Amino acid sequence: MNLIKLLYKRFRIRAIRIISIIFSERMNNNNEVTLIIAPHPDDEIIGCAGLIQHQLSKNKKTHIIFLTGGENSHSGHCKISQETIIKARKELAINTNKKLGLPIENLHFLNYPDGRINYEHQETTKLGKLLKEIVPQVIFIPHKGEGWSDHIQAGHIIKKLTLHQSGIRIYEYCVWFWYYNTWKIDWKNTQLLNMTKEEHFKKKEAIDKYIYPQAPCGKPWSGTLPKIFINANCWNKELYFRIK
């Protein structure tokens, strides 16, 4: 049964890749300021490391807002404090994105509770203020079919905060998209970013910087991620869906 499940997942990933290539085009975003919304430290790299490099190569300002500290990555596994995990994952985020060329001042850290992101939380006020300070022309949010509540809620919050704002383009990016049965897709609005060999290498290197460093308990700070999930996200392309 496990072998059948594994083969099915691999088939699903390959099918999505084929369909995306047919209905997609090279990402060509001419907006001046780009904002990536990351529910947890590592989502921005797993889903958008190629995009980050592409934008920086065009001298376009790129900001990342991390909504949580990812403090539940060790929930039920060990007794490391949430504060320690938040600090470690923040350092990983700073070091990893700095390696790609993003300055520290372009990384913004909020304190939504990991696993319980919602619009009514007080951090939404801070998020709204950040949006006004950054003034992005394009925003990237996790895909609505991600399967994780935090990812879905992150998108909902951004859509509400920008509901009456014109001139902002919103795209969905993929993280857990590859792992779940995500088939309700608007392929007409799909765009594909083809990474160069150098960009692809740097993305895989950046992913490694997140998933391999271990806490004292022996578990990675970012939690243990499924191998098939990592393999899917090490593709040399990134898939995006324009929704606004």
C-alpha atoms as a PDB file:
ATOM      1  CA  MET A   1       0.000   0.000   0.000  1.00  0.00           C
ATOM      2  CA  ASN A   2       2.819   2.431   0.850  1.00  0.00           C
ATOM      3  CA  LEU A   3       4.517   1.696  -2.488  1.00  0.00           C
ATOM      4  CA  ILE A   4       1.277   2.369  -4.369  1.00  0.00           C
ATOM      5  CA  LYS A   5       0.815   5.638  -2.475  1.00  0.00           C
ATOM      6  CA  LEU A   6       4.390   6.702  -3.262  1.00  0.00           C
ATOM      7  CA  LEU A   7       4.022   5.896  -6.967  1.00  0.00           C
ATOM      8  CA  TYR A   8       0.752   7.822  -7.080  1.00  0.00           C
ATOM      9  CA  LYS A   9       2.370  10.901  -5.556  1.00  0.00           C
ATOM     10  CA  ARG A  10       5.218  10.755  -8.063  1.00  0.00           C
ATOM     11  CA  PHE A  11       2.769  10.388 -10.934  1.00  0.00           C
ATOM     12  CA  ARG A  12       0.756  13.362  -9.636  1.00  0.00           C
ATOM     13  CA  ILE A  13       3.848  15.566  -9.472  1.00  0.00           C
ATOM     14  CA  ARG A  14       4.896  14.648 -13.012  1.00  0.00           C
ATOM     15  CA  ALA A  15       1.381  15.251 -14.324  1.00  0.00           C
ATOM     16  CA  ILE A  16       1.263  18.701 -12.751  1.00  0.00           C
ATOM     17  CA  ARG A  17       4.626  19.557 -14.278  1.00  0.00           C
ATOM     18  CA  ILE A  18       3.489  18.540 -17.765  1.00  0.00           C
ATOM     19  CA  ILE A  19       0.243  20.503 -17.512  1.00  0.00           C
ATOM     20  CA  SER A  20       2.015  23.561 -16.093  1.00  0.00           C
ATOM     21  CA  ILE A  21       4.495  23.643 -18.963  1.00  0.00           C
ATOM     22  CA  ILE A  22       1.684  23.525 -21.520  1.00  0.00           C
ATOM     23  CA  PHE A  23      -0.304  26.364 -19.965  1.00  0.00           C
ATOM     24  CA  SER A  24       2.442  28.584 -18.626  1.00  0.00           C
ATOM     25  CA  GLU A  25       4.900  31.274 -19.551  1.00  0.00           C
ATOM     26  CA  ARG A  26       8.130  32.653 -18.165  1.00  0.00           C
ATOM     27  CA  MET A  27       7.539  34.894 -15.145  1.00  0.00           C
ATOM     28  CA  ASN A  28       8.060  38.450 -16.295  1.00  0.00           C
ATOM     29  CA  ASN A  29       7.088  40.806 -13.514  1.00  0.00           C
ATOM     30  CA  ASN A  30       7.894  44.439 -14.221  1.00  0.00           C
ATOM     31  CA  ASN A  31       6.701  45.699 -10.855  1.00  0.00           C
ATOM     32  CA  GLU A  32       9.158  47.649  -8.807  1.00  0.00           C
ATOM     33  CA  VAL A  33       8.469  46.285  -5.312  1.00  0.00           C
ATOM     34  CA  THR A  34       7.771  42.620  -4.632  1.00  0.00           C
ATOM     35  CA  LEU A  35       6.449  41.222  -1.349  1.00  0.00           C
ATOM     36  CA  ILE A  36       6.450  37.549  -0.355  1.00  0.00           C
ATOM     37  CA  ILE A  37       4.222  36.441   2.511  1.00  0.00           C
ATOM     38  CA  ALA A  38       5.750  33.455   4.355  1.00  0.00           C
ATOM     39  CA  PRO A  39       3.603  31.769   7.034  1.00  0.00           C
ATOM     40  CA  HIS A  40       6.774  30.165   8.438  1.00  0.00           C
ATOM     41  CA  PRO A  41      10.520  30.672   7.973  1.00  0.00           C
ATOM     42  CA  ASP A  42      11.450  28.413   4.994  1.00  0.00           C
ATOM     43  CA  ASP A  43       8.227  28.810   2.967  1.00  0.00           C
ATOM     44  CA  GLU A  44       9.716  31.757   1.085  1.00  0.00           C
ATOM     45  CA  ILE A  45      12.751  29.705   0.016  1.00  0.00           C
ATOM     46  CA  ILE A  46      10.917  26.479  -0.772  1.00  0.00           C
ATOM     47  CA  GLY A  47       8.353  28.302  -2.889  1.00  0.00           C
ATOM     48  CA  CYS A  48      10.112  31.415  -4.167  1.00  0.00           C
ATOM     49  CA  ALA A  49      13.933  31.186  -4.007  1.00  0.00           C
ATOM     50  CA  GLY A  50      14.118  31.328  -7.789  1.00  0.00           C
ATOM     51  CA  LEU A  51      11.810  34.335  -7.887  1.00  0.00           C
ATOM     52  CA  ILE A  52      13.850  36.125  -5.225  1.00  0.00           C
ATOM     53  CA  GLN A  53      17.012  35.690  -7.274  1.00  0.00           C
ATOM     54  CA  HIS A  54      15.257  36.685 -10.482  1.00  0.00           C
ATOM     55  CA  GLN A  55      13.962  39.913  -8.929  1.00  0.00           C
ATOM     56  CA  LEU A  56      17.316  40.809  -7.399  1.00  0.00           C
ATOM     57  CA  SER A  57      19.060  40.233 -10.739  1.00  0.00           C
ATOM     58  CA  LYS A  58      16.730  42.879 -12.189  1.00  0.00           C
ATOM     59  CA  ASN A  59      17.516  45.261  -9.292  1.00  0.00           C
ATOM     60  CA  LYS A  60      13.925  45.068  -8.069  1.00  0.00           C
ATOM     61  CA  LYS A  61      13.182  45.565  -4.399  1.00  0.00           C
ATOM     62  CA  THR A  62      12.009  42.407  -2.677  1.00  0.00           C
ATOM     63  CA  HIS A  63      10.612  42.126   0.842  1.00  0.00           C
ATOM     64  CA  ILE A  64       9.555  39.105   2.885  1.00  0.00           C
ATOM     65  CA  ILE A  65       7.120  39.122   5.787  1.00  0.00           C
ATOM     66  CA  PHE A  66       7.313  36.083   8.061  1.00  0.00           C
ATOM     67  CA  LEU A  67       3.994  35.712   9.853  1.00  0.00           C
ATOM     68  CA  THR A  68       5.091  33.201  12.525  1.00  0.00           C
ATOM     69  CA  GLY A  69       8.344  32.014  14.047  1.00  0.00           C
ATOM     70  CA  GLY A  70       7.559  28.380  13.187  1.00  0.00           C
ATOM     71  CA  GLU A  71       7.657  27.514  16.891  1.00  0.00           C
ATOM     72  CA  ASN A  72       5.513  24.380  16.563  1.00  0.00           C
ATOM     73  CA  SER A  73       8.057  22.550  14.420  1.00  0.00           C
ATOM     74  CA  HIS A  74       9.005  20.449  17.456  1.00  0.00           C
ATOM     75  CA  SER A  75       5.552  20.158  19.011  1.00  0.00           C
ATOM     76  CA  GLY A  76       5.206  16.853  20.870  1.00  0.00           C
ATOM     77  CA  HIS A  77       8.762  15.863  20.005  1.00  0.00           C
ATOM     78  CA  CYS A  78      11.013  17.479  22.595  1.00  0.00           C
ATOM     79  CA  LYS A  79      11.059  20.043  25.383  1.00  0.00           C
ATOM     80  CA  ILE A  80      12.903  22.843  23.570  1.00  0.00           C
ATOM     81  CA  SER A  81      11.152  26.119  24.368  1.00  0.00           C
ATOM     82  CA  GLN A  82       9.190  27.890  21.663  1.00  0.00           C
ATOM     83  CA  GLU A  83      11.295  31.005  22.232  1.00  0.00           C
ATOM     84  CA  THR A  84      14.459  29.030  21.441  1.00  0.00           C
ATOM     85  CA  ILE A  85      12.931  27.622  18.264  1.00  0.00           C
ATOM     86  CA  ILE A  86      11.724  31.055  17.130  1.00  0.00           C
ATOM     87  CA  LYS A  87      15.178  32.534  17.666  1.00  0.00           C
ATOM     88  CA  ALA A  88      16.907  29.690  15.804  1.00  0.00           C
ATOM     89  CA  ARG A  89      14.530  29.786  12.858  1.00  0.00           C
ATOM     90  CA  LYS A  90      14.802  33.571  12.621  1.00  0.00           C
ATOM     91  CA  GLU A  91      18.586  33.260  12.402  1.00  0.00           C
ATOM     92  CA  LEU A  92      18.203  30.610   9.694  1.00  0.00           C
ATOM     93  CA  ALA A  93      15.889  32.938   7.766  1.00  0.00           C
ATOM     94  CA  ILE A  94      18.295  35.873   8.008  1.00  0.00           C
ATOM     95  CA  ASN A  95      21.379  33.851   7.043  1.00  0.00           C
ATOM     96  CA  THR A  96      19.680  31.966   4.207  1.00  0.00           C
ATOM     97  CA  ASN A  97      18.123  35.022   2.570  1.00  0.00           C
ATOM     98  CA  LYS A  98      21.284  37.064   3.089  1.00  0.00           C
ATOM     99  CA  LYS A  99      23.106  34.389   1.089  1.00  0.00           C
ATOM    100  CA  LEU A 100      20.676  35.010  -1.779  1.00  0.00           C
ATOM    101  CA  GLY A 101      21.348  38.745  -1.581  1.00  0.00           C
ATOM    102  CA  LEU A 102      18.395  40.052   0.441  1.00  0.00           C
ATOM    103  CA  PRO A 103      19.372  42.692   3.013  1.00  0.00           C
ATOM    104  CA  ILE A 104      18.231  42.135   6.614  1.00  0.00           C
ATOM    105  CA  GLU A 105      16.116  45.304   6.547  1.00  0.00           C
ATOM    106  CA  ASN A 106      13.941  43.684   3.859  1.00  0.00           C
ATOM    107  CA  LEU A 107      13.028  40.803   6.194  1.00  0.00           C
ATOM    108  CA  HIS A 108      10.106  41.490   8.520  1.00  0.00           C
ATOM    109  CA  PHE A 109       9.101  39.197  11.390  1.00  0.00           C
ATOM    110  CA  LEU A 110       5.623  39.131  12.929  1.00  0.00           C
ATOM    111  CA  ASN A 111       4.314  37.100  15.845  1.00  0.00           C
ATOM    112  CA  TYR A 112       1.196  35.295  14.728  1.00  0.00           C
ATOM    113  CA  PRO A 113       0.932  31.995  16.680  1.00  0.00           C
ATOM    114  CA  ASP A 114       2.232  29.062  14.638  1.00  0.00           C
ATOM    115  CA  GLY A 115      -0.733  26.913  13.648  1.00  0.00           C
ATOM    116  CA  ARG A 116      -3.293  29.586  14.521  1.00  0.00           C
ATOM    117  CA  ILE A 117      -2.882  32.409  12.017  1.00  0.00           C
ATOM    118  CA  ASN A 118      -6.150  34.309  11.637  1.00  0.00           C
ATOM    119  CA  TYR A 119      -7.397  37.721  10.549  1.00  0.00           C
ATOM    120  CA  GLU A 120      -8.712  38.664  14.008  1.00  0.00           C
ATOM    121  CA  HIS A 121      -5.291  38.383  15.659  1.00  0.00           C
ATOM    122  CA  GLN A 122      -3.671  41.640  16.803  1.00  0.00           C
ATOM    123  CA  GLU A 123      -0.708  41.054  14.466  1.00  0.00           C
ATOM    124  CA  THR A 124      -2.984  41.829  11.528  1.00  0.00           C
ATOM    125  CA  THR A 125      -2.792  45.511  12.488  1.00  0.00           C
ATOM    126  CA  LYS A 126       1.015  45.340  12.283  1.00  0.00           C
ATOM    127  CA  LEU A 127       0.781  43.515   8.970  1.00  0.00           C
ATOM    128  CA  GLY A 128      -1.469  46.251   7.592  1.00  0.00           C
ATOM    129  CA  LYS A 129       1.032  48.913   8.651  1.00  0.00           C
ATOM    130  CA  LEU A 130       3.879  47.011   6.987  1.00  0.00           C
ATOM    131  CA  LEU A 131       1.928  46.853   3.730  1.00  0.00           C
ATOM    132  CA  LYS A 132       1.552  50.642   3.822  1.00  0.00           C
ATOM    133  CA  GLU A 133       5.274  51.092   4.516  1.00  0.00           C
ATOM    134  CA  ILE A 134       6.495  48.670   1.842  1.00  0.00           C
ATOM    135  CA  VAL A 135       3.898  49.686  -0.783  1.00  0.00           C
ATOM    136  CA  PRO A 136       4.269  46.533  -2.913  1.00  0.00           C
ATOM    137  CA  GLN A 137       3.080  46.400  -6.506  1.00  0.00           C
ATOM    138  CA  VAL A 138       2.974  42.598  -6.452  1.00  0.00           C
ATOM    139  CA  ILE A 139       2.363  40.215  -3.543  1.00  0.00           C
ATOM    140  CA  PHE A 140       2.994  36.477  -3.422  1.00  0.00           C
ATOM    141  CA  ILE A 141       0.885  34.361  -1.061  1.00  0.00           C
ATOM    142  CA  PRO A 142       0.706  30.565  -0.519  1.00  0.00           C
ATOM    143  CA  HIS A 143      -1.597  28.641  -2.834  1.00  0.00           C
ATOM    144  CA  LYS A 144      -5.164  28.199  -1.558  1.00  0.00           C
ATOM    145  CA  GLY A 145      -4.862  24.418  -1.924  1.00  0.00           C
ATOM    146  CA  GLU A 146      -1.781  24.112   0.292  1.00  0.00           C
ATOM    147  CA  GLY A 147      -3.519  21.926   2.883  1.00  0.00           C
ATOM    148  CA  TRP A 148      -2.109  23.793   5.894  1.00  0.00           C
ATOM    149  CA  SER A 149      -4.375  26.190   7.790  1.00  0.00           C
ATOM    150  CA  ASP A 150      -1.622  28.789   8.267  1.00  0.00           C
ATOM    151  CA  HIS A 151      -0.943  28.898   4.528  1.00  0.00           C
ATOM    152  CA  ILE A 152      -4.611  29.259   3.651  1.00  0.00           C
ATOM    153  CA  GLN A 153      -5.235  31.892   6.330  1.00  0.00           C
ATOM    154  CA  ALA A 154      -2.187  33.892   5.216  1.00  0.00           C
ATOM    155  CA  GLY A 155      -3.787  34.253   1.793  1.00  0.00           C
ATOM    156  CA  HIS A 156      -7.166  35.178   3.253  1.00  0.00           C
ATOM    157  CA  ILE A 157      -5.641  37.943   5.378  1.00  0.00           C
ATOM    158  CA  ILE A 158      -3.751  39.518   2.467  1.00  0.00           C
ATOM    159  CA  LYS A 159      -6.834  39.397   0.254  1.00  0.00           C
ATOM    160  CA  LYS A 160      -8.874  41.203   2.924  1.00  0.00           C
ATOM    161  CA  LEU A 161      -6.214  43.826   3.605  1.00  0.00           C
ATOM    162  CA  THR A 162      -5.830  44.617  -0.114  1.00  0.00           C
ATOM    163  CA  LEU A 163      -9.489  44.218  -1.096  1.00  0.00           C
ATOM    164  CA  HIS A 164     -10.045  47.894  -1.887  1.00  0.00           C
ATOM    165  CA  GLN A 165      -6.533  48.671  -3.103  1.00  0.00           C
ATOM    166  CA  SER A 166      -5.956  49.039  -6.823  1.00  0.00           C
ATOM    167  CA  GLY A 167      -2.685  48.542  -8.650  1.00  0.00           C
ATOM    168  CA  ILE A 168      -1.646  45.463  -6.651  1.00  0.00           C
ATOM    169  CA  ARG A 169      -1.145  42.154  -8.402  1.00  0.00           C
ATOM    170  CA  ILE A 170      -1.431  39.003  -6.298  1.00  0.00           C
ATOM    171  CA  TYR A 171       0.059  35.614  -7.143  1.00  0.00           C
ATOM    172  CA  GLU A 172      -0.135  32.293  -5.340  1.00  0.00           C
ATOM    173  CA  TYR A 173       3.066  30.290  -4.949  1.00  0.00           C
ATOM    174  CA  CYS A 174       3.546  26.607  -4.219  1.00  0.00           C
ATOM    175  CA  VAL A 175       4.971  24.907  -1.133  1.00  0.00           C
ATOM    176  CA  TRP A 176       2.744  22.004  -0.002  1.00  0.00           C
ATOM    177  CA  PHE A 177       0.885  22.285  -3.296  1.00  0.00           C
ATOM    178  CA  TRP A 178       3.043  19.438  -4.585  1.00  0.00           C
ATOM    179  CA  TYR A 179       2.247  17.147  -1.655  1.00  0.00           C
ATOM    180  CA  TYR A 180      -1.547  17.378  -1.477  1.00  0.00           C
ATOM    181  CA  ASN A 181      -4.226  16.524  -4.043  1.00  0.00           C
ATOM    182  CA  THR A 182      -4.325  20.028  -5.475  1.00  0.00           C
ATOM    183  CA  TRP A 183      -6.307  19.719  -8.679  1.00  0.00           C
ATOM    184  CA  LYS A 184      -8.703  22.673  -8.608  1.00  0.00           C
ATOM    185  CA  ILE A 185      -6.343  24.917 -10.497  1.00  0.00           C
ATOM    186  CA  ASP A 186      -6.856  27.886 -12.779  1.00  0.00           C
ATOM    187  CA  TRP A 187      -4.301  26.899 -15.387  1.00  0.00           C
ATOM    188  CA  LYS A 188      -5.184  29.890 -17.600  1.00  0.00           C
ATOM    189  CA  ASN A 189      -3.503  32.192 -15.081  1.00  0.00           C
ATOM    190  CA  THR A 190      -0.457  30.005 -14.541  1.00  0.00           C
ATOM    191  CA  GLN A 191       3.045  31.368 -14.929  1.00  0.00           C
ATOM    192  CA  LEU A 192       6.241  29.376 -14.819  1.00  0.00           C
ATOM    193  CA  LEU A 193       9.616  30.706 -13.742  1.00  0.00           C
ATOM    194  CA  ASN A 194      12.490  28.807 -15.335  1.00  0.00           C
ATOM    195  CA  MET A 195      15.575  29.073 -13.159  1.00  0.00           C
ATOM    196  CA  THR A 196      19.043  29.242 -14.608  1.00  0.00           C
ATOM    197  CA  LYS A 197      21.495  26.545 -13.498  1.00  0.00           C
ATOM    198  CA  GLU A 198      23.040  28.992 -11.048  1.00  0.00           C
ATOM    199  CA  GLU A 199      19.654  30.018  -9.627  1.00  0.00           C
ATOM    200  CA  HIS A 200      18.603  26.394  -9.318  1.00  0.00           C
ATOM    201  CA  PHE A 201      21.821  25.484  -7.531  1.00  0.00           C
ATOM    202  CA  LYS A 202      21.414  28.382  -5.113  1.00  0.00           C
ATOM    203  CA  LYS A 203      17.811  27.421  -4.408  1.00  0.00           C
ATOM    204  CA  LYS A 204      18.774  23.843  -3.510  1.00  0.00           C
ATOM    205  CA  GLU A 205      21.620  25.188  -1.397  1.00  0.00           C
ATOM    206  CA  ALA A 206      19.206  27.563   0.378  1.00  0.00           C
ATOM    207  CA  ILE A 207      16.733  24.748   1.054  1.00  0.00           C
ATOM    208  CA  ASP A 208      19.559  22.708   2.583  1.00  0.00           C
ATOM    209  CA  LYS A 209      20.445  25.620   4.858  1.00  0.00           C
ATOM    210  CA  TYR A 210      16.940  25.397   6.294  1.00  0.00           C
ATOM    211  CA  ILE A 211      16.291  21.663   6.483  1.00  0.00           C
ATOM    212  CA  TYR A 212      19.614  20.277   7.742  1.00  0.00           C
ATOM    213  CA  PRO A 213      20.630  22.362  10.806  1.00  0.00           C
ATOM    214  CA  GLN A 214      19.565  20.408  13.873  1.00  0.00           C
ATOM    215  CA  ALA A 215      18.386  21.368  17.326  1.00  0.00           C
ATOM    216  CA  PRO A 216      20.021  19.756  20.386  1.00  0.00           C
ATOM    217  CA  CYS A 217      17.358  17.023  20.277  1.00  0.00           C
ATOM    218  CA  GLY A 218      18.643  15.893  16.875  1.00  0.00           C
ATOM    219  CA  LYS A 219      15.586  17.036  14.932  1.00  0.00           C
ATOM    220  CA  PRO A 220      15.949  19.798  12.289  1.00  0.00           C
ATOM    221  CA  TRP A 221      14.896  23.231  13.537  1.00  0.00           C
ATOM    222  CA  SER A 222      12.392  23.451  10.682  1.00  0.00           C
ATOM    223  CA  GLY A 223      10.935  20.047  11.513  1.00  0.00           C
ATOM    224  CA  THR A 224      11.214  16.803   9.583  1.00  0.00           C
ATOM    225  CA  LEU A 225       9.867  17.275   6.056  1.00  0.00           C
ATOM    226  CA  PRO A 226       8.809  14.363   3.780  1.00  0.00           C
ATOM    227  CA  LYS A 227      11.484  13.396   1.267  1.00  0.00           C
ATOM    228  CA  ILE A 228       9.039  13.442  -1.634  1.00  0.00           C
ATOM    229  CA  PHE A 229       8.066  16.980  -0.613  1.00  0.00           C
ATOM    230  CA  ILE A 230      11.702  18.122  -0.707  1.00  0.00           C
ATOM    231  CA  ASN A 231      12.350  16.413  -4.036  1.00  0.00           C
ATOM    232  CA  ALA A 232       9.296  18.043  -5.625  1.00  0.00           C
ATOM    233  CA  ASN A 233      10.347  21.493  -4.456  1.00  0.00           C
ATOM    234  CA  CYS A 234      13.874  21.030  -5.802  1.00  0.00           C
ATOM    235  CA  TRP A 235      12.490  21.220  -9.341  1.00  0.00           C
ATOM    236  CA  ASN A 236      14.322  23.729 -11.538  1.00  0.00           C
ATOM    237  CA  LYS A 237      11.131  25.683 -12.118  1.00  0.00           C
ATOM    238  CA  GLU A 238       8.657  27.539  -9.909  1.00  0.00           C
ATOM    239  CA  LEU A 239       4.932  27.652 -10.514  1.00  0.00           C
ATOM    240  CA  TYR A 240       2.765  30.712  -9.821  1.00  0.00           C
ATOM    241  CA  PHE A 241      -0.914  31.547 -10.253  1.00  0.00           C
ATOM    242  CA  ARG A 242      -2.157  35.081 -10.732  1.00  0.00           C
ATOM    243  CA  ILE A 243      -5.408  35.689  -8.820  1.00  0.00           C
ATOM    244  CA  LYS A 244      -5.677  39.495  -8.981  1.00  0.00           C
END
